[in-house]
Every structure is written in C-alpha cells, then in structure tokens.
C-alpha atoms as a PDB file:
ATOM      1  CA  MET A   1       9.147 -15.829   0.797  1.00  0.00           C
ATOM      2  CA  SER A   2       9.029 -13.836   4.022  1.00  0.00           C
ATOM      3  CA  LEU A   3       6.606 -11.238   2.700  1.00  0.00           C
ATOM      4  CA  LEU A   4       3.890 -13.727   1.895  1.00  0.00           C
ATOM      5  CA  ILE A   5       1.309 -14.509   4.535  1.00  0.00           C
ATOM      6  CA  ARG A   6      -0.341 -17.884   4.152  1.00  0.00           C
ATOM      7  CA  HIS A   7      -3.983 -18.000   3.065  1.00  0.00           C
ATOM      8  CA  LYS A   8      -4.486 -20.370   5.990  1.00  0.00           C
ATOM      9  CA  ASP A   9      -3.530 -17.572   8.391  1.00  0.00           C
ATOM     10  CA  TYR A  10      -6.157 -15.276   6.873  1.00  0.00           C
ATOM     11  CA  LYS A  11      -8.766 -17.998   7.231  1.00  0.00           C
ATOM     12  CA  ILE A  12      -7.897 -18.615  10.877  1.00  0.00           C
ATOM     13  CA  ALA A  13      -7.955 -14.868  11.550  1.00  0.00           C
ATOM     14  CA  PHE A  14     -11.361 -14.626   9.897  1.00  0.00           C
ATOM     15  CA  TRP A  15     -12.886 -17.346  12.066  1.00  0.00           C
ATOM     16  CA  VAL A  16     -11.348 -15.948  15.261  1.00  0.00           C
ATOM     17  CA  THR A  17     -12.734 -12.509  14.399  1.00  0.00           C
ATOM     18  CA  ALA A  18     -16.127 -14.030  13.505  1.00  0.00           C
ATOM     19  CA  ALA A  19     -16.205 -15.825  16.886  1.00  0.00           C
ATOM     20  CA  PHE A  20     -15.517 -12.575  18.756  1.00  0.00           C
ATOM     21  CA  ALA A  21     -18.104 -10.768  16.641  1.00  0.00           C
ATOM     22  CA  THR A  22     -20.675 -13.412  17.536  1.00  0.00           C
ATOM     23  CA  VAL A  23     -20.002 -12.945  21.245  1.00  0.00           C
ATOM     24  CA  MET A  24     -20.177  -9.166  20.855  1.00  0.00           C
ATOM     25  CA  LEU A  25     -23.475  -9.417  18.966  1.00  0.00           C
ATOM     26  CA  PHE A  26     -24.918 -11.663  21.684  1.00  0.00           C
ATOM     27  CA  LEU A  27     -23.877  -9.244  24.438  1.00  0.00           C
ATOM     28  CA  GLN A  28     -25.193  -6.258  22.496  1.00  0.00           C
ATOM     29  CA  PHE A  29     -28.579  -7.955  22.164  1.00  0.00           C
ATOM     30  CA  MET A  30     -28.830  -9.369  25.694  1.00  0.00           C
ATOM     31  CA  LEU A  31     -27.631  -6.198  27.472  1.00  0.00           C
ATOM     32  CA  SER A  32     -29.221  -3.625  25.191  1.00  0.00           C
ATOM     33  CA  LYS A  33     -31.020  -1.849  28.067  1.00  0.00           C
ATOM     34  CA  ALA A  34     -28.902  -2.947  31.040  1.00  0.00           C
ATOM     35  CA  ASN A  35     -27.145   0.414  31.570  1.00  0.00           C
ATOM     36  CA  VAL A  36     -23.987  -1.483  32.572  1.00  0.00           C
ATOM     37  CA  TRP A  37     -21.651   1.511  32.401  1.00  0.00           C
ATOM     38  CA  ALA A  38     -23.655   3.922  34.592  1.00  0.00           C
ATOM     39  CA  GLY A  39     -21.176   3.609  37.464  1.00  0.00           C
ATOM     40  CA  LEU A  40     -18.082   4.531  35.432  1.00  0.00           C
ATOM     41  CA  SER A  41     -16.875   8.123  35.440  1.00  0.00           C
ATOM     42  CA  SER A  42     -16.313  10.097  32.261  1.00  0.00           C
ATOM     43  CA  SER A  43     -13.828  12.831  31.395  1.00  0.00           C
ATOM     44  CA  GLY A  44     -16.512  14.791  29.534  1.00  0.00           C
ATOM     45  CA  PRO A  45     -20.151  14.743  28.416  1.00  0.00           C
ATOM     46  CA  VAL A  46     -20.918  11.089  27.707  1.00  0.00           C
ATOM     47  CA  ASP A  47     -23.090  11.929  24.706  1.00  0.00           C
ATOM     48  CA  GLY A  48     -20.631  14.395  23.183  1.00  0.00           C
ATOM     49  CA  PHE A  49     -17.372  12.507  22.623  1.00  0.00           C
ATOM     50  CA  PHE A  50     -17.906  11.834  18.930  1.00  0.00           C
ATOM     51  CA  CYS A  51     -20.401  12.520  16.159  1.00  0.00           C
ATOM     52  CA  GLU A  52     -22.216   9.212  16.620  1.00  0.00           C
ATOM     53  CA  CYS A  53     -25.231   9.535  18.892  1.00  0.00           C
ATOM     54  CA  ALA A  54     -24.682   7.677  22.153  1.00  0.00           C
ATOM     55  CA  THR A  55     -27.355   5.458  23.683  1.00  0.00           C
ATOM     56  CA  LEU A  56     -26.484   5.741  27.359  1.00  0.00           C
ATOM     57  CA  GLU A  57     -28.427   2.722  28.639  1.00  0.00           C
ATOM     58  CA  ALA A  58     -27.088   0.385  25.917  1.00  0.00           C
ATOM     59  CA  PHE A  59     -24.194  -2.042  26.317  1.00  0.00           C
ATOM     60  CA  PHE A  60     -22.670  -0.555  23.146  1.00  0.00           C
ATOM     61  CA  ARG A  61     -23.137   3.153  23.727  1.00  0.00           C
ATOM     62  CA  GLU A  62     -21.590   3.844  20.318  1.00  0.00           C
ATOM     63  CA  PRO A  63     -22.212   0.700  18.250  1.00  0.00           C
ATOM     64  CA  ILE A  64     -20.722   1.843  14.913  1.00  0.00           C
ATOM     65  CA  ASN A  65     -17.515   3.109  16.521  1.00  0.00           C
ATOM     66  CA  THR A  66     -17.347  -0.108  18.564  1.00  0.00           C
ATOM     67  CA  TRP A  67     -17.802  -2.584  15.715  1.00  0.00           C
ATOM     68  CA  SER A  68     -15.275  -0.783  13.501  1.00  0.00           C
ATOM     69  CA  ASN A  69     -12.425  -1.989  15.747  1.00  0.00           C
ATOM     70  CA  LEU A  70     -12.757  -5.595  14.534  1.00  0.00           C
ATOM     71  CA  PRO A  71     -10.115  -5.216  11.742  1.00  0.00           C
ATOM     72  CA  PHE A  72      -7.483  -4.676  14.448  1.00  0.00           C
ATOM     73  CA  LEU A  73      -8.326  -8.094  15.881  1.00  0.00           C
ATOM     74  CA  PHE A  74      -8.210  -9.713  12.444  1.00  0.00           C
ATOM     75  CA  PHE A  75      -4.766  -8.317  11.605  1.00  0.00           C
ATOM     76  CA  SER A  76      -3.434  -9.132  15.092  1.00  0.00           C
ATOM     77  CA  VAL A  77      -4.202 -12.806  14.587  1.00  0.00           C
ATOM     78  CA  VAL A  78      -2.462 -12.688  11.190  1.00  0.00           C
ATOM     79  CA  PHE A  79       0.648 -11.087  12.729  1.00  0.00           C
ATOM     80  CA  PHE A  80       0.733 -13.609  15.560  1.00  0.00           C
ATOM     81  CA  LEU A  81       0.444 -16.622  13.246  1.00  0.00           C
ATOM     82  CA  THR A  82       3.129 -15.188  10.965  1.00  0.00           C
ATOM     83  CA  GLY A  83       5.457 -14.709  13.933  1.00  0.00           C
ATOM     84  CA  MET A  84       4.848 -18.301  15.035  1.00  0.00           C
ATOM     85  CA  ARG A  85       5.772 -19.469  11.528  1.00  0.00           C
ATOM     86  CA  ASP A  86       8.964 -17.413  11.667  1.00  0.00           C
ATOM     87  CA  LEU A  87       9.982 -19.223  14.862  1.00  0.00           C
ATOM     88  CA  ARG A  88       9.994 -22.503  12.924  1.00  0.00           C
ATOM     89  CA  ASN A  89      11.391 -21.102   9.679  1.00  0.00           C
ATOM     90  CA  TYR A  90      15.145 -20.707   9.201  1.00  0.00           C
ATOM     91  CA  ASN A  91      14.833 -19.134   5.754  1.00  0.00           C
ATOM     92  CA  ARG A  92      14.557 -15.599   7.122  1.00  0.00           C
ATOM     93  CA  VAL A  93      15.482 -12.590   5.039  1.00  0.00           C
ATOM     94  CA  ASN A  94      15.085  -9.458   7.187  1.00  0.00           C
ATOM     95  CA  MET A  95      14.933  -8.158  10.740  1.00  0.00           C
ATOM     96  CA  MET A  96      11.164  -8.566  11.066  1.00  0.00           C
ATOM     97  CA  SER A  97      11.285 -12.254  10.138  1.00  0.00           C
ATOM     98  CA  TYR A  98      14.529 -12.912  12.029  1.00  0.00           C
ATOM     99  CA  LEU A  99      13.211 -11.395  15.270  1.00  0.00           C
ATOM    100  CA  PRO A 100       9.640 -12.748  15.596  1.00  0.00           C
ATOM    101  CA  ILE A 101       9.201 -10.784  18.831  1.00  0.00           C
ATOM    102  CA  TYR A 102       8.442  -7.762  16.650  1.00  0.00           C
ATOM    103  CA  SER A 103       5.647  -9.668  14.886  1.00  0.00           C
ATOM    104  CA  PHE A 104       4.284 -10.565  18.306  1.00  0.00           C
ATOM    105  CA  LEU A 105       4.504  -6.911  19.369  1.00  0.00           C
ATOM    106  CA  PHE A 106       2.645  -5.848  16.212  1.00  0.00           C
ATOM    107  CA  ALA A 107       0.016  -8.443  17.120  1.00  0.00           C
ATOM    108  CA  LEU A 108      -0.102  -7.243  20.725  1.00  0.00           C
ATOM    109  CA  GLY A 109      -0.450  -3.623  19.584  1.00  0.00           C
ATOM    110  CA  GLY A 110      -3.402  -4.419  17.342  1.00  0.00           C
ATOM    111  CA  LEU A 111      -5.017  -6.528  20.051  1.00  0.00           C
ATOM    112  CA  PHE A 112      -4.488  -3.795  22.643  1.00  0.00           C
ATOM    113  CA  VAL A 113      -6.132  -1.219  20.375  1.00  0.00           C
ATOM    114  CA  PHE A 114      -9.001  -3.592  19.642  1.00  0.00           C
ATOM    115  CA  VAL A 115      -9.677  -4.207  23.345  1.00  0.00           C
ATOM    116  CA  SER A 116      -9.095  -0.657  24.579  1.00  0.00           C
ATOM    117  CA  SER A 117     -10.932   1.151  21.774  1.00  0.00           C
ATOM    118  CA  THR A 118     -13.820  -1.314  21.896  1.00  0.00           C
ATOM    119  CA  PHE A 119     -14.114  -0.826  25.654  1.00  0.00           C
ATOM    120  CA  PHE A 120     -13.954   2.956  25.272  1.00  0.00           C
ATOM    121  CA  HIS A 121     -16.709   3.172  22.663  1.00  0.00           C
ATOM    122  CA  MET A 122     -18.807   0.653  24.556  1.00  0.00           C
ATOM    123  CA  SER A 123     -18.575   2.567  27.834  1.00  0.00           C
ATOM    124  CA  LEU A 124     -17.441   6.132  26.952  1.00  0.00           C
ATOM    125  CA  SER A 125     -15.650   6.076  30.301  1.00  0.00           C
ATOM    126  CA  ALA A 126     -12.539   7.950  31.443  1.00  0.00           C
ATOM    127  CA  LEU A 127     -10.751   4.626  31.988  1.00  0.00           C
ATOM    128  CA  GLY A 128     -11.648   3.535  28.470  1.00  0.00           C
ATOM    129  CA  GLU A 129     -10.390   6.814  27.038  1.00  0.00           C
ATOM    130  CA  HIS A 130      -7.092   6.467  28.884  1.00  0.00           C
ATOM    131  CA  LEU A 131      -6.579   2.902  27.658  1.00  0.00           C
ATOM    132  CA  ASP A 132      -7.582   3.846  24.116  1.00  0.00           C
ATOM    133  CA  LEU A 133      -4.965   6.588  23.958  1.00  0.00           C
ATOM    134  CA  SER A 134      -2.369   4.183  25.362  1.00  0.00           C
ATOM    135  CA  GLY A 135      -3.169   1.930  22.422  1.00  0.00           C
ATOM    136  CA  VAL A 136      -2.619   4.814  20.010  1.00  0.00           C
ATOM    137  CA  PHE A 137       0.765   5.482  21.651  1.00  0.00           C
ATOM    138  CA  PHE A 138       1.597   1.775  21.236  1.00  0.00           C
ATOM    139  CA  LEU A 139       0.941   1.888  17.487  1.00  0.00           C
ATOM    140  CA  ALA A 140       2.923   5.100  17.069  1.00  0.00           C
ATOM    141  CA  LEU A 141       5.895   3.974  19.175  1.00  0.00           C
ATOM    142  CA  LEU A 142       6.511   0.431  17.922  1.00  0.00           C
ATOM    143  CA  PRO A 143       7.571   1.308  14.327  1.00  0.00           C
ATOM    144  CA  PHE A 144       9.714   4.116  15.769  1.00  0.00           C
ATOM    145  CA  VAL A 145      11.575   1.749  18.118  1.00  0.00           C
ATOM    146  CA  TYR A 146      11.839  -0.934  15.416  1.00  0.00           C
ATOM    147  CA  ASN A 147      13.450   1.544  13.033  1.00  0.00           C
ATOM    148  CA  LEU A 148      15.728   2.827  15.809  1.00  0.00           C
ATOM    149  CA  HIS A 149      16.853  -0.731  16.514  1.00  0.00           C
ATOM    150  CA  LYS A 150      17.592  -1.328  12.854  1.00  0.00           C
ATOM    151  CA  ALA A 151      19.537   1.949  12.574  1.00  0.00           C
ATOM    152  CA  TYR A 152      21.594   0.965  15.632  1.00  0.00           C
ATOM    153  CA  ASN A 153      22.427  -2.407  14.069  1.00  0.00           C
ATOM    154  CA  ILE A 154      23.698  -0.662  10.942  1.00  0.00           C
ATOM    155  CA  GLN A 155      25.736   1.826  12.957  1.00  0.00           C
ATOM    156  CA  ARG A 156      27.166  -0.747  15.376  1.00  0.00           C
ATOM    157  CA  PHE A 157      27.599  -3.809  13.168  1.00  0.00           C
ATOM    158  CA  ASN A 158      27.256  -2.342   9.652  1.00  0.00           C
ATOM    159  CA  ASN A 159      24.450  -4.879   9.292  1.00  0.00           C
ATOM    160  CA  PRO A 160      20.710  -4.164   9.765  1.00  0.00           C
ATOM    161  CA  VAL A 161      19.906  -7.718  10.853  1.00  0.00           C
ATOM    162  CA  ARG A 162      22.851  -8.479  13.098  1.00  0.00           C
ATOM    163  CA  THR A 163      22.156  -7.806  16.760  1.00  0.00           C
ATOM    164  CA  THR A 164      22.796  -9.129  20.259  1.00  0.00           C
ATOM    165  CA  LYS A 165      20.410 -10.469  22.860  1.00  0.00           C
ATOM    166  CA  LYS A 166      21.408  -7.592  25.128  1.00  0.00           C
ATOM    167  CA  THR A 167      20.670  -5.030  22.410  1.00  0.00           C
ATOM    168  CA  LEU A 168      17.280  -6.595  21.748  1.00  0.00           C
ATOM    169  CA  LYS A 169      16.425  -6.434  25.451  1.00  0.00           C
ATOM    170  CA  VAL A 170      17.516  -2.782  25.596  1.00  0.00           C
ATOM    171  CA  PHE A 171      15.243  -1.724  22.731  1.00  0.00           C
ATOM    172  CA  ILE A 172      12.280  -3.756  23.967  1.00  0.00           C
ATOM    173  CA  GLY A 173      12.843  -2.265  27.424  1.00  0.00           C
ATOM    174  CA  LEU A 174      13.023   1.228  25.908  1.00  0.00           C
ATOM    175  CA  PHE A 175       9.733   0.604  24.155  1.00  0.00           C
ATOM    176  CA  VAL A 176       8.056  -0.533  27.387  1.00  0.00           C
ATOM    177  CA  LEU A 177       9.389   2.487  29.309  1.00  0.00           C
ATOM    178  CA  MET A 178       8.202   4.914  26.634  1.00  0.00           C
ATOM    179  CA  ILE A 179       4.731   3.350  26.587  1.00  0.00           C
ATOM    180  CA  ALA A 180       4.570   3.526  30.384  1.00  0.00           C
ATOM    181  CA  GLY A 181       5.747   7.146  30.419  1.00  0.00           C
ATOM    182  CA  LEU A 182       3.302   8.302  27.761  1.00  0.00           C
ATOM    183  CA  THR A 183       0.467   6.454  29.497  1.00  0.00           C
ATOM    184  CA  ILE A 184       1.228   7.769  32.981  1.00  0.00           C
ATOM    185  CA  PHE A 185       1.751  11.386  31.893  1.00  0.00           C
ATOM    186  CA  LYS A 186      -0.847  11.319  29.133  1.00  0.00           C
ATOM    187  CA  TRP A 187      -2.956  14.083  30.689  1.00  0.00           C
ATOM    188  CA  GLN A 188       0.027  16.463  30.678  1.00  0.00           C
ATOM    189  CA  MET A 189       0.644  16.034  26.935  1.00  0.00           C
ATOM    190  CA  HIS A 190      -1.331  16.800  23.810  1.00  0.00           C
ATOM    191  CA  THR A 191      -1.967  13.533  21.971  1.00  0.00           C
ATOM    192  CA  LEU A 192      -2.501  15.304  18.647  1.00  0.00           C
ATOM    193  CA  VAL A 193       1.069  16.622  18.964  1.00  0.00           C
ATOM    194  CA  ILE A 194       2.908  13.590  20.365  1.00  0.00           C
ATOM    195  CA  VAL A 195       1.533  10.999  17.935  1.00  0.00           C
ATOM    196  CA  PRO A 196       2.264  12.983  14.709  1.00  0.00           C
ATOM    197  CA  ILE A 197       5.791  13.681  15.989  1.00  0.00           C
ATOM    198  CA  LEU A 198       6.428   9.956  16.509  1.00  0.00           C
ATOM    199  CA  ILE A 199       4.954   9.094  13.113  1.00  0.00           C
ATOM    200  CA  GLY A 200       7.027  11.857  11.510  1.00  0.00           C
ATOM    201  CA  LEU A 201      10.265  10.620  13.111  1.00  0.00           C
ATOM    202  CA  THR A 202       9.514   7.079  11.950  1.00  0.00           C
ATOM    203  CA  ALA A 203       8.809   8.312   8.422  1.00  0.00           C
ATOM    204  CA  VAL A 204      12.089  10.242   8.335  1.00  0.00           C
ATOM    205  CA  GLY A 205      13.973   7.155   9.512  1.00  0.00           C
ATOM    206  CA  ILE A 206      12.345   4.920   6.919  1.00  0.00           C
ATOM    207  CA  ILE A 207      12.973   7.408   4.096  1.00  0.00           C
ATOM    208  CA  HIS A 208      16.620   7.644   5.199  1.00  0.00           C
ATOM    209  CA  MET A 209      16.900   3.840   5.013  1.00  0.00           C
ATOM    210  CA  ILE A 210      15.316   3.816   1.547  1.00  0.00           C
ATOM    211  CA  MET A 211      17.768   6.451   0.273  1.00  0.00           C
ATOM    212  CA  LYS A 212      20.732   4.655   1.840  1.00  0.00           C
ATOM    213  CA  HIS A 213      19.687   1.169   0.718  1.00  0.00           C
ATOM    214  CA  PRO A 214      17.407   1.589  -2.334  1.00  0.00           C
ATOM    215  CA  GLY A 215      15.638  -1.422  -3.754  1.00  0.00           C
ATOM    216  CA  GLU A 216      15.715  -3.531  -0.596  1.00  0.00           C
ATOM    217  CA  SER A 217      12.006  -3.058   0.232  1.00  0.00           C
ATOM    218  CA  ASP A 218       8.737  -2.840  -1.665  1.00  0.00           C
ATOM    219  CA  ILE A 219       8.091   0.878  -1.416  1.00  0.00           C
ATOM    220  CA  ARG A 220       4.608   0.431  -2.879  1.00  0.00           C
ATOM    221  CA  LEU A 221       3.487  -1.118   0.421  1.00  0.00           C
ATOM    222  CA  LEU A 222       4.813   1.896   2.310  1.00  0.00           C
ATOM    223  CA  ILE A 223       2.938   4.263  -0.013  1.00  0.00           C
ATOM    224  CA  ILE A 224      -0.279   2.298   0.517  1.00  0.00           C
ATOM    225  CA  SER A 225       0.242   2.407   4.289  1.00  0.00           C
ATOM    226  CA  GLY A 226       0.859   6.150   4.180  1.00  0.00           C
ATOM    227  CA  PHE A 227      -2.218   6.674   2.023  1.00  0.00           C
ATOM    228  CA  PHE A 228      -4.472   4.773   4.427  1.00  0.00           C
ATOM    229  CA  MET A 229      -3.018   6.629   7.418  1.00  0.00           C
ATOM    230  CA  THR A 230      -3.513  10.011   5.738  1.00  0.00           C
ATOM    231  CA  VAL A 231      -7.107   9.263   4.755  1.00  0.00           C
ATOM    232  CA  GLY A 232      -7.812   7.853   8.220  1.00  0.00           C
ATOM    233  CA  ALA A 233      -6.359  10.933   9.901  1.00  0.00           C
ATOM    234  CA  ALA A 234      -8.544  13.135   7.679  1.00  0.00           C
ATOM    235  CA  PHE A 235     -11.654  11.259   8.821  1.00  0.00           C
ATOM    236  CA  PHE A 236     -10.475  11.563  12.437  1.00  0.00           C
ATOM    237  CA  MET A 237     -10.167  15.333  12.113  1.00  0.00           C
ATOM    238  CA  LEU A 238     -13.544  15.589  10.373  1.00  0.00           C
ATOM    239  CA  ASP A 239     -15.171  13.781  13.285  1.00  0.00           C
ATOM    240  CA  ASN A 240     -13.164  15.807  15.800  1.00  0.00           C
ATOM    241  CA  HIS A 241     -14.552  19.023  14.301  1.00  0.00           C
ATOM    242  CA  SER A 242     -18.082  17.607  13.783  1.00  0.00           C
ATOM    243  CA  ALA A 243     -17.824  18.060  10.016  1.00  0.00           C
ATOM    244  CA  LEU A 244     -20.081  15.920   7.820  1.00  0.00           C
ATOM    245  CA  CYS A 245     -21.695  14.863  11.054  1.00  0.00           C
ATOM    246  CA  ASP A 246     -24.867  12.784  11.150  1.00  0.00           C
ATOM    247  CA  GLY A 247     -25.129  11.109  14.525  1.00  0.00           C
ATOM    248  CA  ASN A 248     -27.697   8.553  13.334  1.00  0.00           C
ATOM    249  CA  SER A 249     -25.841   7.482  10.198  1.00  0.00           C
ATOM    250  CA  TYR A 250     -24.252   4.043   9.804  1.00  0.00           C
ATOM    251  CA  LEU A 251     -21.299   5.836   8.184  1.00  0.00           C
ATOM    252  CA  GLN A 252     -19.269   7.517  10.931  1.00  0.00           C
ATOM    253  CA  CYS A 253     -15.987   9.342  10.313  1.00  0.00           C
ATOM    254  CA  HIS A 254     -14.446   8.027  13.529  1.00  0.00           C
ATOM    255  CA  ALA A 255     -15.332   4.462  12.547  1.00  0.00           C
ATOM    256  CA  LEU A 256     -13.645   5.040   9.179  1.00  0.00           C
ATOM    257  CA  TRP A 257     -10.593   6.270  11.100  1.00  0.00           C
ATOM    258  CA  HIS A 258     -10.464   2.890  12.859  1.00  0.00           C
ATOM    259  CA  ILE A 259     -10.720   0.969   9.596  1.00  0.00           C
ATOM    260  CA  PHE A 260      -8.161   3.006   7.651  1.00  0.00           C
ATOM    261  CA  CYS A 261      -5.743   3.060  10.603  1.00  0.00           C
ATOM    262  CA  SER A 262      -5.872  -0.738  10.920  1.00  0.00           C
ATOM    263  CA  ALA A 263      -5.225  -1.050   7.170  1.00  0.00           C
ATOM    264  CA  ALA A 264      -2.238   1.309   7.458  1.00  0.00           C
ATOM    265  CA  TRP A 265      -0.909  -0.820  10.346  1.00  0.00           C
ATOM    266  CA  PHE A 266      -1.236  -3.968   8.225  1.00  0.00           C
ATOM    267  CA  PHE A 267       0.522  -2.551   5.148  1.00  0.00           C
ATOM    268  CA  LEU A 268       3.306  -1.088   7.276  1.00  0.00           C
ATOM    269  CA  TYR A 269       3.904  -4.580   8.650  1.00  0.00           C
ATOM    270  CA  LEU A 270       3.978  -5.983   5.112  1.00  0.00           C
ATOM    271  CA  TYR A 271       6.437  -3.267   4.101  1.00  0.00           C
ATOM    272  CA  LEU A 272       8.803  -4.147   6.943  1.00  0.00           C
ATOM    273  CA  ARG A 273       8.577  -7.817   5.950  1.00  0.00           C
ATOM    274  CA  SER A 274       9.321  -6.979   2.310  1.00  0.00           C
ATOM    275  CA  GLU A 275      12.960  -6.118   3.015  1.00  0.00           C
ATOM    276  CA  ARG A 276      15.363  -8.289   1.072  1.00  0.00           C
ATOM    277  CA  VAL A 277      18.801  -8.112   2.701  1.00  0.00           C
ATOM    278  CA  TYR A 278      19.878 -11.755   2.695  1.00  0.00           C
ATOM    279  CA  SER A 279      22.099 -11.279  -0.381  1.00  0.00           C
ATOM    280  CA  ILE A 280      24.061  -8.469   1.277  1.00  0.00           C
ATOM    281  CA  TYR A 281      24.219  -9.359   4.960  1.00  0.00           C
ATOM    282  CA  GLN A 282      24.594 -12.458   7.060  1.00  0.00           C
ATOM    283  CA  LEU A 283      21.575 -12.960   9.316  1.00  0.00           C
ATOM    284  CA  ARG A 284      22.642 -13.679  12.844  1.00  0.00           C
ATOM    285  CA  ILE A 285      22.005 -12.877  16.473  1.00  0.00           C
ATOM    286  CA  LEU A 286      24.959 -12.940  18.838  1.00  0.00           C
END
C-alpha cells in the first residue's frame, strides 16, 4: 500500500539523524567558547530574538532551539527513501506516489528547514534568519503548488493523476520562481501574513477536493496535521510575545514550534499519500 512507510525506512532515518546529532554534539562541546559567529551581522539584538537565553560565545548560541530541528532531518530521510521506493514500484495509487519528485521536494523542504533553522539558532545571524524564513516559505508553498497541480489535472484531463511532462515542469518551475521571489523580496513582506495566506489557500483547496471526491483520502491524517500545526503556531506566538517565558528552561516555546511543525509536515505527507484513486482513474503521465 502506498500510504505505508517501511519500518526499515524509519530505522535508516533514525541512524542518519543519530549520526548528525553525534557530530552536532561533538561540535557543541569542542567549540563551546570559540565565539565562531562574532563576525556575522545580525538584524537585531543577538540576545533578544527568542525567549531562550543566548550564549554569545558558544557554538550553539541557542542550544534548545537548535536541537529541536532534528525531527525535520528525520522526516526528510523518510520522505526521500519513500520516493526512491516509488521510483521502483509500479503499483502506484495517487499523484504523490506516481510523481516521486514531490516526495523528493518534501524531503528537500524538510532538509532545507533543518539546515537553515539550525544555522540560524546556532549563529543568530541575519543570513541565518533570511535562510530560515526561506525554509518556512518552502514548507508553505509546496503543498499549495502540489494541490494546484492536482486541481489543474482534474480541470484539464478530468483525472487528478494524469499529467504531462510539460505540465510537471511548469508547476515545478512555478514553485521555484515563487520561492525565489519570496526569498528575494522577503524584507518587503510580512511573513506572519504571507505564510498563513498560503496555508489558508492550501486548506481551502484540500477541503474542496474532499467535498468533490469524498472518501478518497484518510481525513484523520489531515486533522492530525492541522492539529499539530495549530498547536505549533500557538507556541510560536507565545514565544513571539514572550509569554510563559523562562530563558533558562529546557522547555522553550519556539523549540516546541519546531517539533509540532515537523510533525504537521509529516502527517500532511501521509495524508497526500493516503489518496486512493486507482479504482476511478487510470494512472499515467503523457
């Protein structure tokens, strides 16, 4: 079944994540007082970005917010391995499994967020902040473009999983252009407005698909994804307004935002893979 992810993939993802964590732990210990990031500029007070107290001379200036990005790496490996399996599997049942490039993009998005957010919380630099927000745009845009592509297939071919190579290139190109545009003009836009708009448009599109084709997907996975995203966003806002703030605590609201957001990303992927359209449509790419 397309929805299922092999236990082997989880095991591989665990060991890859553990290997990265080991390297990170080694660097954190060896460079604890190296003040590596002193030469990088910041867009604001270095010790006032988030609730967590920053240790300016440390390699991990915000250790809790840095370590909490590891789930993104774990899920990225899972997505990548699942996409590789789809390339060799001809028993595909939906657009996500039939076009493995989207699994690879989900993997790339999670990896990008892991790298950019980790770098940002390690350095608290302006460059890190810019890359981190680009990662957020990536996560918000990909489901939107995926859903747009699926809607186009239905409109053009009356089939959500029938597409052309040219169409695929157009939507992937659109995604790249939108990411580039949001990244380049990021400072002229309010992130807390753009991202909710993209998420809202994606939600409307998905709900429309559910109403038009009920029973084709496991809506429970979508509800779980929405729950995790909502809770994560609440923690983000709490940290943004310094509510429940204890800078020396191991429990940081922004770190919880990372964890819940990665879980929402994972369950959204599972939801998209839960579609069962093989009994209604012929799977093909022209």
